[in-house]
Amino acid sequence: MPILFARLPATVLLAAALLLSGPGARAGRSCDTHALTPQTVARGLQLAERTLQALDASGAQVVVLARAGQDLSRFGVRYSHLGFAYRQPDATQPGGSVWRVLHKLNPCGSAEAALYRQGLGDFFLDDLWRFEAAWVVPTPEVQKPLLALLQGGGPGPLSLHHKPYSIVSYAWSPTYQQSNQWAIETLALAMEPSIGAPGEPVAARRQRAQAWLQFKGYAPAVLTIGALTRLGGRMTAANVAFDDHPNEKRFADRIETVTVDSVFAWMPRAGLGAAPVRLALP
């Protein structure tokens, strides 16, 4: 899992950003392949730096971090994508620390996704819809096992990773898995390690994680997506599928999927984290 843009001088970050401005792995972002402008890169890195300062000041060891990569306002959704940002020792500075982001990304238009470890700079390095970050600081009781899972050298974060991807995967099905869905299922694993029993199929583990989420009161977002829109999406993009949704909900145009907004509403309600913090560039 590559780690990009940890703590580098701004000039180096800018040069690297310009080199990496072509199409790549994305989630919660627009799939347009136009080159980023220097102004867009600079604002993305500015947002990353301000987020870094805020996270350093928070005292947290791990947060659930979100970005606004595309306009989803027509669905009543503010943020498009989340991952786990966590602090780890900086090997280049004794006593220092750096922030990493572990999240799931989908190469644009493909039917599969992978996990990536990156720096904050890369997390915000794109033509974002809004230059705004948001995060939830989990409670200490959640941070401790979650940080151990994220930093561990074992299969922890991969235990519930399922490659087949749909951007609107049904929250309670193991057929596909979108980025936000992987994140909260992994949160469930951190809180209940027995979910990841070795030797069992990923689907069985994921179903236990989903049962834990239901027990804790998680409610997915309900998006209203009509039949023509569903048909158009399925025919033109490999990363859009609706066949995992129950017929009675799908034919009623009710698409239940995991969104950042629903996760941020759930964590404080379930006693798993504080109220969301928002940081926007002017």
Protein backbone atom coordinates (compact mmCIF):
# COMPACT_ATOMS: atom_id res chain seq x y z
CA MET A 1 0.00 0.00 0.00
CA PRO A 2 1.83 3.16 -1.16
CA ILE A 3 2.48 6.04 1.23
CA LEU A 4 2.57 9.41 -0.47
CA PHE A 5 3.27 12.96 0.72
CA ALA A 6 4.00 12.52 4.42
CA ARG A 7 5.89 15.64 5.52
CA LEU A 8 7.68 17.17 2.56
CA PRO A 9 8.52 20.79 1.74
CA ALA A 10 5.76 22.59 -0.11
CA THR A 11 7.84 22.95 -3.28
CA VAL A 12 8.49 19.20 -3.40
CA LEU A 13 4.83 18.49 -2.75
CA LEU A 14 3.81 20.78 -5.57
CA ALA A 15 6.18 19.17 -8.05
CA ALA A 16 5.06 15.68 -7.07
CA ALA A 17 1.43 16.72 -7.30
CA LEU A 18 1.88 17.99 -10.83
CA LEU A 19 3.54 14.74 -11.84
CA LEU A 20 0.65 12.73 -10.43
CA SER A 21 -2.16 14.81 -11.87
CA GLY A 22 -3.23 12.18 -14.40
CA PRO A 23 -6.03 9.63 -13.91
CA GLY A 24 -5.58 7.11 -11.11
CA ALA A 25 -7.29 5.41 -8.21
CA ARG A 26 -10.21 7.43 -6.96
CA ALA A 27 -13.24 7.22 -4.72
CA GLY A 28 -15.70 9.93 -3.91
CA ARG A 29 -14.13 12.07 -6.62
CA SER A 30 -15.09 13.15 -10.10
CA CYS A 31 -13.67 10.84 -12.78
CA ASP A 32 -12.82 13.67 -15.15
CA THR A 33 -9.27 13.25 -16.42
CA HIS A 34 -8.41 16.89 -17.09
CA ALA A 35 -5.08 18.04 -15.67
CA LEU A 36 -5.06 19.83 -12.34
CA THR A 37 -4.16 23.48 -12.39
CA PRO A 38 -1.37 24.81 -10.14
CA GLN A 39 -4.04 26.78 -8.26
CA THR A 40 -6.07 23.63 -7.58
CA VAL A 41 -2.99 21.76 -6.39
CA ALA A 42 -1.98 24.64 -4.13
CA ARG A 43 -5.43 24.80 -2.53
CA GLY A 44 -5.52 21.04 -2.02
CA LEU A 45 -2.15 21.14 -0.28
CA GLN A 46 -3.25 24.14 1.77
CA LEU A 47 -6.28 22.20 2.94
CA ALA A 48 -4.02 19.24 3.81
CA GLU A 49 -1.67 21.47 5.81
CA ARG A 50 -4.50 23.11 7.76
CA THR A 51 -6.02 19.71 8.44
CA LEU A 52 -2.63 18.45 9.65
CA GLN A 53 -2.33 21.37 12.07
CA ALA A 54 -5.85 20.79 13.40
CA LEU A 55 -5.28 17.05 13.86
CA ASP A 56 -1.96 17.67 15.63
CA ALA A 57 -3.72 20.09 18.00
CA SER A 58 -6.64 17.72 18.65
CA GLY A 59 -4.63 15.20 20.63
CA ALA A 60 -6.30 12.38 18.70
CA GLN A 61 -4.42 9.33 17.51
CA VAL A 62 -6.93 8.34 14.84
CA VAL A 63 -9.91 10.09 13.22
CA VAL A 64 -12.49 9.26 10.58
CA LEU A 65 -11.60 11.77 7.86
CA ALA A 66 -13.77 12.91 4.94
CA ARG A 67 -13.47 15.01 1.81
CA ALA A 68 -15.93 16.54 -0.67
CA GLY A 69 -14.70 15.15 -3.97
CA GLN A 70 -17.87 15.62 -5.99
CA ASP A 71 -21.23 17.37 -5.86
CA LEU A 72 -23.76 14.99 -4.29
CA SER A 73 -26.15 17.69 -3.11
CA ARG A 74 -28.95 16.32 -5.30
CA PHE A 75 -28.95 13.31 -2.96
CA GLY A 76 -28.72 15.41 0.20
CA VAL A 77 -25.12 14.27 0.74
CA ARG A 78 -22.35 16.73 1.67
CA TYR A 79 -19.18 14.58 1.70
CA SER A 80 -18.26 11.91 -0.80
CA HIS A 81 -15.51 9.78 0.73
CA LEU A 82 -13.95 8.85 4.05
CA GLY A 83 -10.94 6.99 5.37
CA PHE A 84 -8.99 6.59 8.59
CA ALA A 85 -6.31 9.18 9.36
CA TYR A 86 -3.98 7.97 12.08
CA ARG A 87 -0.80 9.11 13.76
CA GLN A 88 2.35 7.02 13.70
CA PRO A 89 5.99 7.59 14.74
CA ASP A 90 8.15 9.46 12.25
CA ALA A 91 11.23 7.39 11.53
CA THR A 92 13.08 10.49 10.28
CA GLN A 93 12.45 12.57 13.42
CA PRO A 94 13.05 10.93 16.83
CA GLY A 95 10.03 11.66 18.99
CA GLY A 96 8.07 13.04 16.04
CA SER A 97 4.97 11.69 14.36
CA VAL A 98 3.26 11.77 10.98
CA TRP A 99 -0.32 11.28 9.82
CA ARG A 100 -1.24 8.54 7.40
CA VAL A 101 -4.57 7.87 5.69
CA LEU A 102 -5.79 4.34 5.04
CA HIS A 103 -8.72 4.20 2.65
CA LYS A 104 -10.24 2.24 -0.20
CA LEU A 105 -9.99 3.59 -3.74
CA ASN A 106 -11.61 2.57 -7.01
CA PRO A 107 -9.71 3.10 -10.30
CA CYS A 108 -12.12 5.20 -12.30
CA GLY A 109 -14.70 3.18 -14.15
CA SER A 110 -13.42 -0.23 -13.02
CA ALA A 111 -15.35 -2.91 -11.16
CA GLU A 112 -12.77 -3.42 -8.40
CA ALA A 113 -11.04 -1.41 -5.68
CA ALA A 114 -7.94 -1.62 -3.48
CA LEU A 115 -6.66 -0.27 -0.17
CA TYR A 116 -4.08 2.55 -0.08
CA ARG A 117 -1.95 4.12 2.62
CA GLN A 118 -1.20 7.73 1.76
CA GLY A 119 -0.30 11.06 3.27
CA LEU A 120 -2.76 13.85 3.92
CA GLY A 121 -1.48 15.72 0.87
CA ASP A 122 -2.54 13.00 -1.53
CA PHE A 123 -5.90 12.54 0.21
CA PHE A 124 -6.84 16.09 -0.74
CA LEU A 125 -4.92 16.24 -4.01
CA ASP A 126 -7.62 16.43 -6.64
CA ASP A 127 -10.05 18.78 -8.29
CA LEU A 128 -12.29 18.72 -5.23
CA TRP A 129 -15.86 19.93 -5.43
CA ARG A 130 -15.32 21.87 -2.21
CA PHE A 131 -12.05 22.47 -0.43
CA GLU A 132 -13.41 21.25 2.84
CA ALA A 133 -12.36 18.55 5.28
CA ALA A 134 -14.41 17.00 8.05
CA TRP A 135 -13.63 14.42 10.68
CA VAL A 136 -14.97 12.63 13.72
CA VAL A 137 -12.66 11.94 16.65
CA PRO A 138 -13.58 8.50 18.02
CA THR A 139 -13.78 7.99 21.76
CA PRO A 140 -10.58 6.74 23.46
CA GLU A 141 -12.23 3.32 23.78
CA VAL A 142 -12.60 3.21 19.99
CA GLN A 143 -9.29 4.86 19.10
CA LYS A 144 -7.12 2.32 20.94
CA PRO A 145 -8.20 -0.88 19.11
CA LEU A 146 -8.70 0.96 15.82
CA LEU A 147 -5.19 2.43 15.90
CA ALA A 148 -3.73 -1.00 16.71
CA LEU A 149 -5.55 -2.51 13.74
CA LEU A 150 -4.46 0.26 11.35
CA GLN A 151 -0.81 0.17 12.44
CA GLY A 152 -0.57 -3.60 12.67
CA GLY A 153 1.55 -5.52 10.22
CA GLY A 154 -0.93 -8.39 9.94
CA PRO A 155 -3.92 -8.75 7.64
CA GLY A 156 -6.14 -6.57 9.88
CA PRO A 157 -7.28 -3.86 7.43
CA LEU A 158 -7.46 -6.41 4.63
CA SER A 159 -9.57 -8.86 6.62
CA LEU A 160 -12.86 -7.37 5.41
CA HIS A 161 -11.65 -5.95 2.11
CA HIS A 162 -13.72 -7.18 -0.85
CA LYS A 163 -12.48 -6.21 -4.33
CA PRO A 164 -15.81 -6.18 -6.27
CA TYR A 165 -16.94 -2.57 -6.11
CA SER A 166 -20.10 -0.59 -6.63
CA ILE A 167 -20.33 3.06 -5.69
CA VAL A 168 -23.88 2.45 -4.43
CA SER A 169 -23.40 -1.00 -2.87
CA TYR A 170 -26.23 -2.13 -0.58
CA ALA A 171 -25.22 -1.53 3.03
CA TRP A 172 -26.34 -4.98 4.21
CA SER A 173 -25.04 -7.17 1.38
CA PRO A 174 -21.61 -8.81 0.87
CA THR A 175 -21.90 -8.76 -2.94
CA TYR A 176 -20.04 -5.48 -3.51
CA GLN A 177 -18.20 -3.10 -1.22
CA GLN A 178 -17.73 0.63 -1.63
CA SER A 179 -15.15 2.74 0.16
CA ASN A 180 -17.22 4.06 3.04
CA GLN A 181 -18.68 0.60 3.60
CA TRP A 182 -15.21 -0.92 3.99
CA ALA A 183 -14.35 1.75 6.55
CA ILE A 184 -17.27 1.17 8.92
CA GLU A 185 -17.04 -2.61 8.57
CA THR A 186 -13.38 -2.30 9.55
CA LEU A 187 -14.40 -0.13 12.50
CA ALA A 188 -16.70 -2.96 13.56
CA LEU A 189 -13.79 -5.40 13.29
CA ALA A 190 -11.63 -3.22 15.52
CA MET A 191 -14.33 -3.15 18.17
CA GLU A 192 -15.21 -6.85 17.88
CA PRO A 193 -12.13 -8.83 16.76
CA SER A 194 -14.06 -12.11 16.63
CA ILE A 195 -15.66 -10.78 13.43
CA GLY A 196 -12.42 -11.54 11.60
CA ALA A 197 -12.23 -15.25 12.43
CA PRO A 198 -9.38 -16.72 10.33
CA GLY A 199 -10.15 -19.31 7.72
CA GLU A 200 -13.64 -18.04 6.97
CA PRO A 201 -14.76 -16.43 3.70
CA VAL A 202 -14.67 -12.66 3.58
CA ALA A 203 -18.43 -12.63 2.96
CA ALA A 204 -19.08 -14.37 6.29
CA ARG A 205 -16.85 -11.93 8.15
CA ARG A 206 -18.52 -8.98 6.47
CA GLN A 207 -21.97 -10.24 7.39
CA ARG A 208 -20.91 -10.39 11.05
CA ALA A 209 -19.54 -6.85 10.79
CA GLN A 210 -22.83 -5.69 9.27
CA ALA A 211 -24.75 -7.40 12.08
CA TRP A 212 -22.60 -5.51 14.61
CA LEU A 213 -23.32 -2.22 12.83
CA GLN A 214 -27.05 -2.94 12.91
CA PHE A 215 -26.83 -3.82 16.60
CA LYS A 216 -25.11 -0.48 17.22
CA GLY A 217 -27.90 1.37 15.41
CA TYR A 218 -26.19 2.33 12.18
CA ALA A 219 -28.72 3.42 9.53
CA PRO A 220 -27.54 3.81 5.91
CA ALA A 221 -28.53 6.76 3.78
CA VAL A 222 -31.55 6.31 1.55
CA LEU A 223 -30.92 7.76 -1.90
CA THR A 224 -33.80 8.26 -4.32
CA ILE A 225 -32.54 6.97 -7.68
CA GLY A 226 -35.11 6.32 -10.42
CA ALA A 227 -35.17 3.44 -12.87
CA LEU A 228 -33.83 5.41 -15.85
CA THR A 229 -30.91 6.74 -13.82
CA ARG A 230 -30.14 3.25 -12.53
CA LEU A 231 -30.24 1.80 -16.03
CA GLY A 232 -28.00 4.53 -17.42
CA GLY A 233 -25.47 4.12 -14.63
CA ARG A 234 -25.30 0.35 -14.96
CA MET A 235 -24.88 0.46 -18.73
CA THR A 236 -22.17 3.14 -18.81
CA ALA A 237 -19.99 2.40 -15.76
CA ALA A 238 -18.54 -0.84 -14.42
CA ASN A 239 -18.40 0.59 -10.91
CA VAL A 240 -22.17 1.10 -10.61
CA ALA A 241 -24.45 -1.83 -9.79
CA PHE A 242 -27.86 -2.18 -8.20
CA ASP A 243 -28.49 -5.93 -8.32
CA ASP A 244 -27.40 -6.36 -4.68
CA HIS A 245 -30.33 -4.22 -3.46
CA PRO A 246 -33.54 -6.03 -2.47
CA ASN A 247 -36.11 -5.85 -5.27
CA GLU A 248 -38.78 -4.26 -3.09
CA LYS A 249 -36.45 -1.37 -2.26
CA ARG A 250 -34.79 -1.05 -5.64
CA PHE A 251 -38.09 -0.93 -7.54
CA ALA A 252 -39.33 1.69 -5.08
CA ASP A 253 -36.27 3.80 -6.03
CA ARG A 254 -34.85 3.38 -2.48
CA ILE A 255 -31.09 2.83 -2.64
CA GLU A 256 -29.63 2.24 0.82
CA THR A 257 -25.89 2.76 0.91
CA VAL A 258 -23.16 3.95 3.27
CA THR A 259 -22.45 7.67 3.05
CA VAL A 260 -20.09 9.88 5.02
CA ASP A 261 -23.01 11.92 6.28
CA SER A 262 -24.80 8.85 7.67
CA VAL A 263 -21.59 7.65 9.38
CA PHE A 264 -20.96 11.07 10.91
CA ALA A 265 -24.53 11.20 12.23
CA TRP A 266 -24.28 7.67 13.64
CA MET A 267 -20.98 7.76 15.51
CA PRO A 268 -21.95 10.44 18.08
CA ARG A 269 -25.43 8.93 18.40
CA ALA A 270 -23.93 5.51 19.16
CA GLY A 271 -21.43 6.92 21.64
CA LEU A 272 -18.51 6.01 19.39
CA GLY A 273 -17.21 9.51 18.67
CA ALA A 274 -17.54 13.25 19.07
CA ALA A 275 -19.53 15.61 16.88
CA PRO A 276 -18.02 16.16 13.42
CA VAL A 277 -15.42 18.90 12.99
CA ARG A 278 -15.42 20.85 9.73
CA LEU A 279 -12.59 22.84 8.17
CA ALA A 280 -13.15 24.76 4.94
CA LEU A 281 -10.88 27.04 2.95
CA PRO A 282 -12.32 30.49 2.27
